[in-house]
């Protein structure tokens, strides 16, 4: 009958209360997926090129650079506008 003193039970009850409270407070609030394009500035492009060159001891090809932009936006749902 001393199970009510068990810290694991306290942890589980507190977690359940937090979960239910959060669900009740945020009922019906969902963030729609972003449809805005991601803008990558010249500074980020320069940093990506320099980092790649330092790691691989060569400059990245155009295809590799595009893959680096994809790493910045791994969801792939948004368009990534890259300056030339």
C-alpha atoms as a PDB file:
ATOM      1  CA  UNK A   1       0.000   0.000   0.000  1.00  0.00           C
ATOM      2  CA  UNK A   2       3.006   2.306  -0.051  1.00  0.00           C
ATOM      3  CA  UNK A   3       3.001   2.624  -3.849  1.00  0.00           C
ATOM      4  CA  UNK A   4       1.644   6.179  -3.490  1.00  0.00           C
ATOM      5  CA  UNK A   5       5.058   7.171  -2.047  1.00  0.00           C
ATOM      6  CA  UNK A   6       6.925   5.843  -5.072  1.00  0.00           C
ATOM      7  CA  UNK A   7       8.716   8.689  -6.963  1.00  0.00           C
ATOM      8  CA  UNK A   8       8.000   6.963 -10.274  1.00  0.00           C
ATOM      9  CA  UNK A   9       4.259   7.309  -9.633  1.00  0.00           C
ATOM     10  CA  UNK A  10       4.700  11.005  -8.795  1.00  0.00           C
ATOM     11  CA  UNK A  11       6.690  11.508 -11.983  1.00  0.00           C
ATOM     12  CA  UNK A  12       4.064   9.734 -14.106  1.00  0.00           C
ATOM     13  CA  UNK A  13       1.172  11.675 -12.555  1.00  0.00           C
ATOM     14  CA  UNK A  14       2.973  15.015 -12.954  1.00  0.00           C
ATOM     15  CA  UNK A  15       3.800  14.183 -16.577  1.00  0.00           C
ATOM     16  CA  UNK A  16       0.209  13.200 -17.314  1.00  0.00           C
ATOM     17  CA  UNK A  17      -1.079  16.417 -15.721  1.00  0.00           C
ATOM     18  CA  UNK A  18       1.353  18.533 -17.757  1.00  0.00           C
ATOM     19  CA  UNK A  19       0.378  16.720 -20.953  1.00  0.00           C
ATOM     20  CA  UNK A  20      -3.367  17.147 -20.331  1.00  0.00           C
ATOM     21  CA  UNK A  21      -2.949  20.776 -19.272  1.00  0.00           C
ATOM     22  CA  UNK A  22      -0.943  21.623 -22.380  1.00  0.00           C
ATOM     23  CA  UNK A  23      -3.476  19.854 -24.604  1.00  0.00           C
ATOM     24  CA  UNK A  24      -6.360  21.762 -23.032  1.00  0.00           C
ATOM     25  CA  UNK A  25      -4.637  25.137 -23.241  1.00  0.00           C
ATOM     26  CA  UNK A  26      -3.646  24.723 -26.904  1.00  0.00           C
ATOM     27  CA  UNK A  27      -6.804  23.102 -28.154  1.00  0.00           C
ATOM     28  CA  UNK A  28      -7.362  23.727 -31.856  1.00  0.00           C
ATOM     29  CA  UNK A  29      -4.149  25.691 -32.355  1.00  0.00           C
ATOM     30  CA  UNK A  30      -2.104  24.203 -35.158  1.00  0.00           C
ATOM     31  CA  UNK A  31       0.554  25.974 -37.151  1.00  0.00           C
ATOM     32  CA  UNK A  32       0.046  25.628 -40.897  1.00  0.00           C
ATOM     33  CA  UNK A  33       3.149  24.646 -42.853  1.00  0.00           C
ATOM     34  CA  UNK A  34       5.157  27.629 -43.984  1.00  0.00           C
ATOM     35  CA  UNK A  35       4.763  28.520 -47.635  1.00  0.00           C
ATOM     36  CA  UNK A  36       7.160  31.436 -47.555  1.00  0.00           C
ATOM     37  CA  UNK A  37      10.423  30.938 -49.437  1.00  0.00           C
ATOM     38  CA  UNK A  38      13.656  30.763 -47.494  1.00  0.00           C
ATOM     39  CA  UNK A  39      16.041  33.533 -48.515  1.00  0.00           C
ATOM     40  CA  UNK A  40      19.746  32.774 -48.309  1.00  0.00           C
ATOM     41  CA  UNK A  41      21.931  35.839 -48.455  1.00  0.00           C
ATOM     42  CA  UNK A  42      25.359  36.292 -49.989  1.00  0.00           C
ATOM     43  CA  UNK A  43      26.994  35.956 -46.566  1.00  0.00           C
ATOM     44  CA  UNK A  44      25.483  32.512 -45.984  1.00  0.00           C
ATOM     45  CA  UNK A  45      26.504  31.379 -49.481  1.00  0.00           C
ATOM     46  CA  UNK A  46      30.051  32.589 -48.895  1.00  0.00           C
ATOM     47  CA  UNK A  47      30.138  30.834 -45.497  1.00  0.00           C
ATOM     48  CA  UNK A  48      28.862  27.571 -47.034  1.00  0.00           C
ATOM     49  CA  UNK A  49      31.511  27.717 -49.761  1.00  0.00           C
ATOM     50  CA  UNK A  50      34.314  28.497 -47.304  1.00  0.00           C
ATOM     51  CA  UNK A  51      33.259  25.765 -44.890  1.00  0.00           C
ATOM     52  CA  UNK A  52      33.042  23.215 -47.692  1.00  0.00           C
ATOM     53  CA  UNK A  53      36.437  24.280 -49.053  1.00  0.00           C
ATOM     54  CA  UNK A  54      38.051  24.034 -45.606  1.00  0.00           C
ATOM     55  CA  UNK A  55      36.641  20.579 -45.019  1.00  0.00           C
ATOM     56  CA  UNK A  56      37.156  19.010 -48.457  1.00  0.00           C
ATOM     57  CA  UNK A  57      40.132  21.089 -49.662  1.00  0.00           C
ATOM     58  CA  UNK A  58      38.323  22.083 -52.872  1.00  0.00           C
ATOM     59  CA  UNK A  59      35.499  24.371 -53.935  1.00  0.00           C
ATOM     60  CA  UNK A  60      32.007  22.849 -54.154  1.00  0.00           C
ATOM     61  CA  UNK A  61      30.387  22.150 -57.517  1.00  0.00           C
ATOM     62  CA  UNK A  62      27.022  23.714 -58.307  1.00  0.00           C
ATOM     63  CA  UNK A  63      25.220  20.456 -57.484  1.00  0.00           C
ATOM     64  CA  UNK A  64      27.024  20.147 -54.149  1.00  0.00           C
ATOM     65  CA  UNK A  65      26.168  23.751 -53.316  1.00  0.00           C
ATOM     66  CA  UNK A  66      22.496  23.050 -54.030  1.00  0.00           C
ATOM     67  CA  UNK A  67      22.683  20.086 -51.673  1.00  0.00           C
ATOM     68  CA  UNK A  68      24.138  22.348 -48.990  1.00  0.00           C
ATOM     69  CA  UNK A  69      21.127  24.652 -49.365  1.00  0.00           C
ATOM     70  CA  UNK A  70      18.856  21.634 -48.954  1.00  0.00           C
ATOM     71  CA  UNK A  71      20.567  20.871 -45.644  1.00  0.00           C
ATOM     72  CA  UNK A  72      19.582  24.355 -44.455  1.00  0.00           C
ATOM     73  CA  UNK A  73      15.925  23.566 -45.321  1.00  0.00           C
ATOM     74  CA  UNK A  74      15.636  19.807 -44.766  1.00  0.00           C
ATOM     75  CA  UNK A  75      11.833  19.819 -44.968  1.00  0.00           C
ATOM     76  CA  UNK A  76      12.044  20.348 -48.707  1.00  0.00           C
ATOM     77  CA  UNK A  77       8.575  21.865 -48.738  1.00  0.00           C
ATOM     78  CA  UNK A  78       9.734  25.423 -49.131  1.00  0.00           C
ATOM     79  CA  UNK A  79      11.534  26.901 -52.069  1.00  0.00           C
ATOM     80  CA  UNK A  80      15.036  28.108 -51.355  1.00  0.00           C
ATOM     81  CA  UNK A  81      16.013  31.247 -53.209  1.00  0.00           C
ATOM     82  CA  UNK A  82      19.758  31.433 -53.613  1.00  0.00           C
ATOM     83  CA  UNK A  83      21.551  34.486 -54.935  1.00  0.00           C
ATOM     84  CA  UNK A  84      23.762  33.872 -57.948  1.00  0.00           C
END
